[in-house]
């Protein structure tokens, strides 16, 4: 996704929700949406696969 800072990004959030871009090429679009909107308040929590297990897990770095 152009302008995200990395070439393999599937979502971006600029200016705390000023503009959010999401790719439909992910298995769980709702999880990606929650992750990107989560960036309005949180940074990435850890390297690893995002999941619905907890807010911490939603903010992990990868959509696996």
Protein backbone atom coordinates (compact mmCIF):
# COMPACT_ATOMS: atom_id res chain seq x y z
CA UNK A 1 0.00 0.00 0.00
CA UNK A 2 1.66 3.22 -1.16
CA UNK A 3 2.61 5.73 1.52
CA UNK A 4 2.48 3.30 4.45
CA UNK A 5 6.22 3.15 4.95
CA UNK A 6 6.54 -0.56 4.12
CA UNK A 7 5.82 -2.30 0.84
CA UNK A 8 3.77 -5.22 2.22
CA UNK A 9 1.31 -3.20 4.34
CA UNK A 10 -2.36 -4.18 4.14
CA UNK A 11 -3.61 -1.20 6.14
CA UNK A 12 -2.60 2.32 7.10
CA UNK A 13 -3.82 4.96 9.53
CA UNK A 14 -2.56 8.49 8.97
CA UNK A 15 -3.00 11.32 11.49
CA UNK A 16 -4.92 9.30 14.08
CA UNK A 17 -7.84 8.43 11.86
CA UNK A 18 -7.57 11.39 9.50
CA UNK A 19 -7.25 8.86 6.70
CA UNK A 20 -7.43 5.08 6.95
CA UNK A 21 -6.78 2.67 4.08
CA UNK A 22 -7.61 -1.05 4.24
CA UNK A 23 -6.87 -3.87 1.83
CA UNK A 24 -9.60 -6.41 1.11
CA UNK A 25 -6.91 -9.03 0.48
CA UNK A 26 -6.88 -10.22 4.11
CA UNK A 27 -8.73 -13.15 5.63
CA UNK A 28 -10.31 -11.17 8.49
CA UNK A 29 -11.27 -7.70 7.25
CA UNK A 30 -12.97 -6.85 10.56
CA UNK A 31 -9.75 -7.61 12.47
CA UNK A 32 -7.73 -5.41 10.09
CA UNK A 33 -10.30 -2.64 10.58
CA UNK A 34 -10.10 -2.94 14.37
CA UNK A 35 -6.30 -2.91 14.19
CA UNK A 36 -6.13 0.22 12.03
CA UNK A 37 -8.76 2.09 14.05
CA UNK A 38 -6.87 0.96 17.16
CA UNK A 39 -3.93 3.05 15.97
CA UNK A 40 -5.97 6.11 16.93
CA UNK A 41 -4.96 5.22 20.53
CA UNK A 42 -2.30 2.49 20.46
CA UNK A 43 0.99 1.58 18.80
CA UNK A 44 1.83 -1.98 17.79
CA UNK A 45 1.97 -4.22 20.86
CA UNK A 46 4.40 -6.90 19.65
CA UNK A 47 5.69 -8.70 16.58
CA UNK A 48 3.38 -11.54 15.63
CA UNK A 49 -0.04 -12.43 14.26
CA UNK A 50 -3.01 -10.27 15.21
CA UNK A 51 -6.05 -12.03 16.66
CA UNK A 52 -9.27 -11.31 18.57
CA UNK A 53 -7.88 -12.81 21.82
CA UNK A 54 -7.34 -9.42 23.49
CA UNK A 55 -6.77 -5.75 22.65
CA UNK A 56 -3.03 -6.50 22.95
CA UNK A 57 -3.35 -9.21 20.30
CA UNK A 58 -5.42 -6.99 17.97
CA UNK A 59 -2.47 -4.58 17.85
CA UNK A 60 0.19 -7.13 16.86
CA UNK A 61 2.14 -6.38 13.68
CA UNK A 62 0.90 -8.98 11.19
CA UNK A 63 -2.35 -10.26 9.71
CA UNK A 64 -1.66 -14.00 9.39
